[in-house]
Amino acid sequence: MDEALADPVKDSGRWRDRGGPVSESKIEVGTIVRHPRRPAWGPGKTLAVGGGGLVTVYFRDIEETKAGDAVKILSTRTVGLDIAEEQSEPMLDSLPPFKKGVFKGARKPRLSLEDAVQTYLRKEPGALDDPAVRDALRASQIDAHEMWVDLLGDGSGDELLDAGSIDDARRRLLQIAAVPGVLSSDDLSALERAIEDDAAADGFLRALFAVAEQGSEDQETFQRLIDAVVALPDHEGQGSAVTWQVLTRFPSIACPEHHIQLKPVTVRKCVSRLNFDLRITAELNWWTYRRLLTFAKILLARLKPLGAVDYFDVQPFIRVIAAA
């Protein structure tokens, strides 16, 4: 039997280790540690430090059967926790606030990233390694992307605006927006009304084309798009175009290697299951979107060896995990 866990004692619903080697490691809140006798738990982040050498640690890879199972109360005087060489880890760097023994917003058992991948592969068999299944999941997005390239790509959008052909630029954008699955009917109607005004349309389109042509995420460029969307005229009682979908959908279509759509309800549920703090607000802001890009990069890096290519392949994953 594992000496360090030979006599486990439960404390407030979580395990405290007794026995094992004495350790005087200097562990503070935020320190990333590893349990020497439980390597499968992965790295853990110290959430609280109490008296008598007790520490509360959240371990990234523990499989939870109930919310909170991945949080362990340990004694550094009896368990020789190792301080990890790397004191930064993407999933641990982005944990929600931990107060009164629970993570904010936690309602279901947390899925580790590996749990989530296996859940996805069970729900969508062949989604990444079967070309037919993968193409079916990407079909509407690929259609929209190819239409963007044909109608507005390679600087042609800016050329239309510079030539005074705002009607043509607006028509082409709405043609892309009308592809099934690009925008909800409410968002599409709100966008159509919002860019009827030439000045509003020009500001929005120029900011959007700048993001699309840059081909990477950049705070200053993306902030100009946020400002342009926020400035779109609102038609009282007829819906607003100032939404996360209107903001993020076209960059994700134009540059699926760098941008991803943010559907608040779906994304909020997904990040909650993976214990990633996104702090989505109704107010459009760069901080939340930047955090989403960080989250999406973590997912894409894990899914690439399985066949994922870009964020078009990450979006179905987010949808499945949100429903899990």
Protein backbone atom coordinates (compact mmCIF):
# COMPACT_ATOMS: atom_id res chain seq x y z
CA MET A 1 0.00 0.00 0.00
CA ASP A 2 1.18 3.53 -0.73
CA GLU A 3 2.77 4.71 2.51
CA ALA A 4 1.78 8.34 1.97
CA LEU A 5 -1.90 7.38 1.62
CA ALA A 6 -1.98 4.45 4.03
CA ASP A 7 -4.27 6.22 6.49
CA PRO A 8 -6.39 8.81 4.64
CA VAL A 9 -8.57 11.08 6.75
CA LYS A 10 -11.40 13.05 5.19
CA ASP A 11 -11.63 16.73 6.04
CA SER A 12 -14.54 18.85 4.75
CA GLY A 13 -15.20 16.34 1.97
CA ARG A 14 -11.60 16.28 0.73
CA TRP A 15 -8.65 13.99 1.53
CA ARG A 16 -5.76 14.82 3.82
CA ASP A 17 -2.66 12.62 3.63
CA ARG A 18 -1.02 11.17 6.73
CA GLY A 19 2.30 9.36 6.89
CA GLY A 20 5.21 9.61 4.49
CA PRO A 21 8.33 11.71 4.65
CA VAL A 22 8.50 15.00 6.46
CA SER A 23 8.89 18.01 4.18
CA GLU A 24 9.69 21.60 5.04
CA SER A 25 9.14 22.92 1.52
CA LYS A 26 8.24 26.57 1.42
CA ILE A 27 4.92 26.54 -0.34
CA GLU A 28 2.84 29.68 -0.80
CA VAL A 29 -0.51 30.41 -2.35
CA GLY A 30 -0.01 30.08 -6.10
CA THR A 31 2.93 27.67 -5.90
CA ILE A 32 2.65 24.81 -8.38
CA VAL A 33 3.53 21.48 -6.80
CA ARG A 34 3.55 17.76 -7.59
CA HIS A 35 2.62 14.89 -5.31
CA PRO A 36 5.60 12.50 -5.41
CA ARG A 37 3.43 9.43 -4.85
CA ARG A 38 0.61 10.45 -7.17
CA PRO A 39 2.18 11.45 -10.50
CA ALA A 40 -1.11 10.74 -12.29
CA TRP A 41 -2.61 13.72 -10.46
CA GLY A 42 -0.40 15.99 -12.54
CA PRO A 43 0.72 19.43 -11.37
CA GLY A 44 -1.32 21.14 -8.68
CA LYS A 45 -1.79 24.76 -7.72
CA THR A 46 -1.71 25.79 -4.08
CA LEU A 47 -4.98 27.53 -3.24
CA ALA A 48 -4.55 28.10 0.50
CA VAL A 49 -1.91 27.71 3.19
CA GLY A 50 -3.03 27.07 6.75
CA GLY A 51 -1.51 26.45 10.14
CA GLY A 52 0.38 23.32 11.02
CA GLY A 53 1.76 22.90 7.52
CA LEU A 54 -1.63 22.27 5.90
CA VAL A 55 -2.03 23.31 2.29
CA THR A 56 -5.01 23.15 -0.06
CA VAL A 57 -4.02 22.10 -3.57
CA TYR A 58 -6.01 21.74 -6.80
CA PHE A 59 -4.56 18.99 -9.00
CA ARG A 60 -5.06 19.42 -12.73
CA ASP A 61 -5.46 15.79 -13.80
CA ILE A 62 -7.53 14.15 -11.06
CA GLU A 63 -10.73 12.60 -12.39
CA GLU A 64 -13.66 13.98 -10.43
CA THR A 65 -16.80 12.03 -9.59
CA LYS A 66 -18.18 14.97 -7.69
CA ALA A 67 -17.31 18.65 -7.80
CA GLY A 68 -14.28 19.37 -5.65
CA ASP A 69 -12.60 15.95 -5.81
CA ALA A 70 -9.54 17.50 -7.44
CA VAL A 71 -8.95 19.71 -4.38
CA LYS A 72 -6.85 18.02 -1.70
CA ILE A 73 -5.90 19.14 1.79
CA LEU A 74 -2.38 17.93 2.52
CA SER A 75 0.19 18.31 5.28
CA THR A 76 3.60 19.45 4.09
CA ARG A 77 4.99 18.05 7.33
CA THR A 78 4.01 14.52 6.36
CA VAL A 79 3.82 14.58 2.57
CA GLY A 80 6.94 15.63 0.68
CA LEU A 81 5.32 17.72 -2.02
CA ASP A 82 7.71 18.69 -4.78
CA ILE A 83 7.77 22.24 -6.06
CA ALA A 84 7.38 21.99 -9.83
CA GLU A 85 10.24 23.23 -11.99
CA GLU A 86 7.77 25.14 -14.14
CA GLN A 87 5.75 27.62 -12.11
CA SER A 88 3.38 28.43 -14.97
CA GLU A 89 0.85 26.03 -16.49
CA PRO A 90 -1.96 27.26 -18.78
CA MET A 91 -4.88 25.46 -17.14
CA LEU A 92 -3.65 26.21 -13.61
CA ASP A 93 -2.89 29.84 -14.45
CA SER A 94 -6.54 30.37 -15.40
CA LEU A 95 -8.50 28.92 -12.50
CA PRO A 96 -11.72 30.60 -11.31
CA PRO A 97 -11.74 32.31 -7.90
CA PHE A 98 -11.58 29.81 -5.02
CA LYS A 99 -13.52 30.93 -1.96
CA LYS A 100 -14.84 29.08 1.06
CA GLY A 101 -13.59 25.79 -0.27
CA VAL A 102 -15.20 25.88 -3.71
CA PHE A 103 -14.48 27.29 -7.15
CA LYS A 104 -16.85 29.99 -8.32
CA GLY A 105 -19.47 28.63 -10.69
CA ALA A 106 -18.65 24.95 -10.14
CA ARG A 107 -21.85 22.89 -10.35
CA LYS A 108 -20.74 19.70 -12.06
CA PRO A 109 -17.60 17.57 -11.58
CA ARG A 110 -14.69 19.10 -13.39
CA LEU A 111 -13.47 17.37 -16.53
CA SER A 112 -9.72 17.23 -16.89
CA LEU A 113 -8.51 18.03 -20.39
CA GLU A 114 -7.93 14.33 -21.04
CA ASP A 115 -11.40 13.47 -19.73
CA ALA A 116 -12.84 16.10 -22.09
CA VAL A 117 -10.94 14.74 -25.10
CA GLN A 118 -12.20 11.22 -24.45
CA THR A 119 -15.74 12.53 -23.94
CA TYR A 120 -15.55 14.30 -27.29
CA LEU A 121 -14.20 11.26 -29.12
CA ARG A 122 -17.03 9.14 -27.71
CA LYS A 123 -19.69 11.70 -28.66
CA GLU A 124 -18.25 12.48 -32.10
CA PRO A 125 -16.40 9.35 -33.26
CA GLY A 126 -14.27 10.11 -36.28
CA ALA A 127 -14.58 13.87 -35.81
CA LEU A 128 -10.82 14.34 -36.14
CA ASP A 129 -9.47 11.26 -37.93
CA ASP A 130 -12.27 10.40 -40.37
CA PRO A 131 -12.18 12.86 -43.31
CA ALA A 132 -15.88 12.40 -44.09
CA VAL A 133 -16.99 13.10 -40.51
CA ARG A 134 -14.55 15.96 -40.09
CA ASP A 135 -15.60 17.58 -43.37
CA ALA A 136 -19.27 17.31 -42.39
CA LEU A 137 -18.63 19.10 -39.10
CA ARG A 138 -16.65 21.84 -40.87
CA ALA A 139 -18.85 22.15 -43.97
CA SER A 140 -20.81 25.33 -43.24
CA GLN A 141 -17.76 27.09 -41.84
CA ILE A 142 -15.63 26.13 -44.82
CA ASP A 143 -18.36 27.39 -47.16
CA ALA A 144 -18.39 30.73 -45.35
CA HIS A 145 -14.57 30.91 -45.31
CA GLU A 146 -14.30 30.24 -49.04
CA MET A 147 -16.95 32.85 -49.73
CA TRP A 148 -15.00 35.35 -47.61
CA VAL A 149 -11.83 34.65 -49.60
CA ASP A 150 -13.69 35.05 -52.89
CA LEU A 151 -15.68 38.18 -51.99
CA LEU A 152 -13.57 40.09 -49.45
CA GLY A 153 -10.17 38.45 -49.23
CA ASP A 154 -6.72 39.71 -50.26
CA GLY A 155 -7.60 43.33 -49.50
CA SER A 156 -10.58 43.44 -51.86
CA GLY A 157 -12.84 44.65 -49.05
CA ASP A 158 -10.69 47.71 -48.40
CA GLU A 159 -10.43 48.35 -52.14
CA LEU A 160 -14.22 48.49 -52.39
CA LEU A 161 -14.43 50.99 -49.53
CA ASP A 162 -11.61 53.13 -50.92
CA ALA A 163 -13.41 53.20 -54.26
CA GLY A 164 -16.60 54.38 -52.60
CA SER A 165 -18.40 51.08 -53.25
CA ILE A 166 -19.72 50.71 -49.73
CA ASP A 167 -22.99 49.21 -50.99
CA ASP A 168 -21.08 46.41 -52.67
CA ALA A 169 -18.90 45.76 -49.61
CA ARG A 170 -21.97 45.71 -47.37
CA ARG A 171 -23.82 43.36 -49.74
CA ARG A 172 -20.90 40.93 -49.84
CA LEU A 173 -20.62 40.82 -46.05
CA LEU A 174 -24.34 40.15 -45.65
CA GLN A 175 -24.11 37.44 -48.30
CA ILE A 176 -21.51 35.69 -46.13
CA ALA A 177 -23.56 36.34 -43.00
CA ALA A 178 -26.55 34.61 -44.59
CA VAL A 179 -24.71 31.29 -45.00
CA PRO A 180 -26.51 28.79 -42.74
CA GLY A 181 -24.85 28.54 -39.36
CA VAL A 182 -22.91 31.80 -39.55
CA LEU A 183 -25.26 33.99 -37.52
CA SER A 184 -28.56 33.45 -35.78
CA SER A 185 -31.56 35.04 -37.47
CA ASP A 186 -31.72 37.64 -34.69
CA ASP A 187 -28.06 38.60 -35.04
CA LEU A 188 -28.33 38.70 -38.83
CA SER A 189 -31.37 40.97 -38.73
CA ALA A 190 -29.73 43.25 -36.16
CA LEU A 191 -26.55 43.48 -38.26
CA GLU A 192 -28.49 44.29 -41.41
CA ARG A 193 -30.24 47.18 -39.66
CA ALA A 194 -27.07 48.39 -37.95
CA ILE A 195 -25.01 48.75 -41.15
CA GLU A 196 -27.74 50.41 -43.18
CA ASP A 197 -26.07 53.66 -42.08
CA ASP A 198 -23.08 54.26 -44.37
CA ALA A 199 -20.89 55.85 -41.72
CA ALA A 200 -21.50 53.03 -39.25
CA ALA A 201 -20.96 50.45 -41.98
CA ASP A 202 -17.69 52.05 -43.10
CA GLY A 203 -16.28 52.12 -39.57
CA PHE A 204 -17.32 48.54 -38.86
CA LEU A 205 -16.09 47.15 -42.18
CA ARG A 206 -12.71 48.89 -42.08
CA ALA A 207 -12.06 47.64 -38.56
CA LEU A 208 -13.18 44.13 -39.53
CA PHE A 209 -11.01 44.04 -42.65
CA ALA A 210 -8.00 45.20 -40.61
CA VAL A 211 -8.42 42.23 -38.24
CA ALA A 212 -8.94 39.83 -41.15
CA GLU A 213 -5.97 41.07 -43.17
CA GLN A 214 -3.62 41.06 -40.19
CA GLY A 215 -4.02 37.31 -39.84
CA SER A 216 -3.11 37.22 -36.15
CA GLU A 217 -4.49 38.36 -32.83
CA ASP A 218 -3.43 41.87 -31.87
CA GLN A 219 -4.95 43.87 -29.04
CA GLU A 220 -4.84 47.27 -30.70
CA THR A 221 -6.33 46.08 -33.99
CA PHE A 222 -8.99 43.99 -32.31
CA GLN A 223 -9.88 46.79 -29.91
CA ARG A 224 -10.69 48.99 -32.90
CA LEU A 225 -13.14 46.33 -34.05
CA ILE A 226 -14.69 46.19 -30.57
CA ASP A 227 -15.10 49.98 -30.63
CA ALA A 228 -16.65 49.83 -34.10
CA VAL A 229 -19.16 47.17 -33.08
CA VAL A 230 -20.08 49.05 -29.91
CA ALA A 231 -20.64 52.17 -32.05
CA LEU A 232 -23.14 50.42 -34.34
CA PRO A 233 -26.56 52.13 -34.12
CA ASP A 234 -29.14 50.42 -31.98
CA HIS A 235 -32.76 50.14 -33.10
CA GLU A 236 -34.84 50.14 -29.95
CA GLY A 237 -37.00 47.07 -29.60
CA GLN A 238 -35.53 45.41 -32.69
CA GLY A 239 -32.46 43.75 -31.27
CA SER A 240 -28.86 44.91 -31.08
CA ALA A 241 -25.84 44.04 -33.21
CA VAL A 242 -23.55 44.71 -30.26
CA THR A 243 -23.05 41.02 -29.45
CA TRP A 244 -20.15 38.65 -29.05
CA GLN A 245 -21.35 36.73 -32.08
CA VAL A 246 -21.31 39.76 -34.40
CA LEU A 247 -17.90 40.74 -33.01
CA THR A 248 -16.17 37.36 -33.30
CA ARG A 249 -17.92 35.46 -36.07
CA PHE A 250 -16.39 37.17 -39.08
CA PRO A 251 -12.78 37.13 -37.78
CA SER A 252 -13.23 33.41 -37.09
CA ILE A 253 -14.49 32.84 -40.65
CA ALA A 254 -11.74 34.93 -42.24
CA CYS A 255 -8.86 33.57 -40.11
CA PRO A 256 -9.73 30.21 -38.48
CA GLU A 257 -6.03 29.73 -37.68
CA HIS A 258 -6.06 32.74 -35.35
CA HIS A 259 -9.63 33.58 -34.33
CA ILE A 260 -12.57 31.71 -32.86
CA GLN A 261 -16.20 32.62 -32.35
CA LEU A 262 -17.52 33.32 -28.89
CA LYS A 263 -21.05 32.03 -28.30
CA PRO A 264 -21.53 33.09 -24.66
CA VAL A 265 -23.87 30.36 -23.42
CA THR A 266 -21.97 27.50 -25.05
CA VAL A 267 -18.50 28.79 -24.21
CA ARG A 268 -19.47 29.57 -20.61
CA LYS A 269 -20.67 26.00 -20.08
CA CYS A 270 -17.55 24.52 -21.66
CA VAL A 271 -15.02 26.53 -19.67
CA SER A 272 -16.96 25.78 -16.49
CA ARG A 273 -16.58 22.02 -17.08
CA LEU A 274 -12.83 22.47 -17.57
CA ASN A 275 -12.47 24.90 -14.64
CA PHE A 276 -11.09 27.70 -16.82
CA ASP A 277 -11.86 31.28 -15.82
CA LEU A 278 -13.12 33.29 -18.79
CA ARG A 279 -15.33 35.85 -17.03
CA ILE A 280 -17.65 36.43 -19.96
CA THR A 281 -19.60 39.65 -19.63
CA ALA A 282 -22.29 41.23 -21.79
CA GLU A 283 -19.86 44.09 -22.39
CA LEU A 284 -17.52 43.36 -25.29
CA ASN A 285 -13.90 43.52 -24.19
CA TRP A 286 -10.45 42.39 -25.28
CA TRP A 287 -9.59 40.70 -21.95
CA THR A 288 -12.33 38.09 -22.26
CA TYR A 289 -11.59 37.44 -25.92
CA ARG A 290 -7.87 37.12 -25.22
CA ARG A 291 -8.63 34.55 -22.53
CA LEU A 292 -10.81 32.66 -25.01
CA LEU A 293 -7.91 32.59 -27.47
CA THR A 294 -5.66 31.19 -24.73
CA PHE A 295 -8.24 28.51 -23.98
CA ALA A 296 -8.67 27.70 -27.67
CA LYS A 297 -4.89 27.39 -28.13
CA ILE A 298 -4.73 24.86 -25.29
CA LEU A 299 -7.49 22.82 -26.90
CA LEU A 300 -6.02 23.01 -30.41
CA ALA A 301 -2.57 21.96 -29.17
CA ARG A 302 -4.14 18.87 -27.58
CA LEU A 303 -6.36 18.05 -30.57
CA LYS A 304 -3.77 18.59 -33.33
CA PRO A 305 -2.08 15.19 -32.84
CA LEU A 306 -5.53 13.66 -33.32
CA GLY A 307 -6.13 15.46 -36.61
CA ALA A 308 -7.36 18.97 -35.76
CA VAL A 309 -6.10 21.71 -38.07
CA ASP A 310 -7.58 25.01 -36.87
CA TYR A 311 -10.29 26.51 -34.69
CA PHE A 312 -13.01 25.18 -36.99
CA ASP A 313 -12.12 21.83 -35.41
CA VAL A 314 -12.15 23.27 -31.89
CA GLN A 315 -15.65 24.73 -32.12
CA PRO A 316 -17.44 21.32 -32.24
CA PHE A 317 -15.33 20.23 -29.28
CA ILE A 318 -16.51 23.24 -27.27
CA ARG A 319 -20.12 22.48 -28.20
CA VAL A 320 -19.90 18.82 -27.11
CA ILE A 321 -18.19 19.57 -23.81
CA ALA A 322 -20.68 22.33 -23.04
CA ALA A 323 -23.45 19.74 -23.29
CA ALA A 324 -21.60 17.02 -21.36
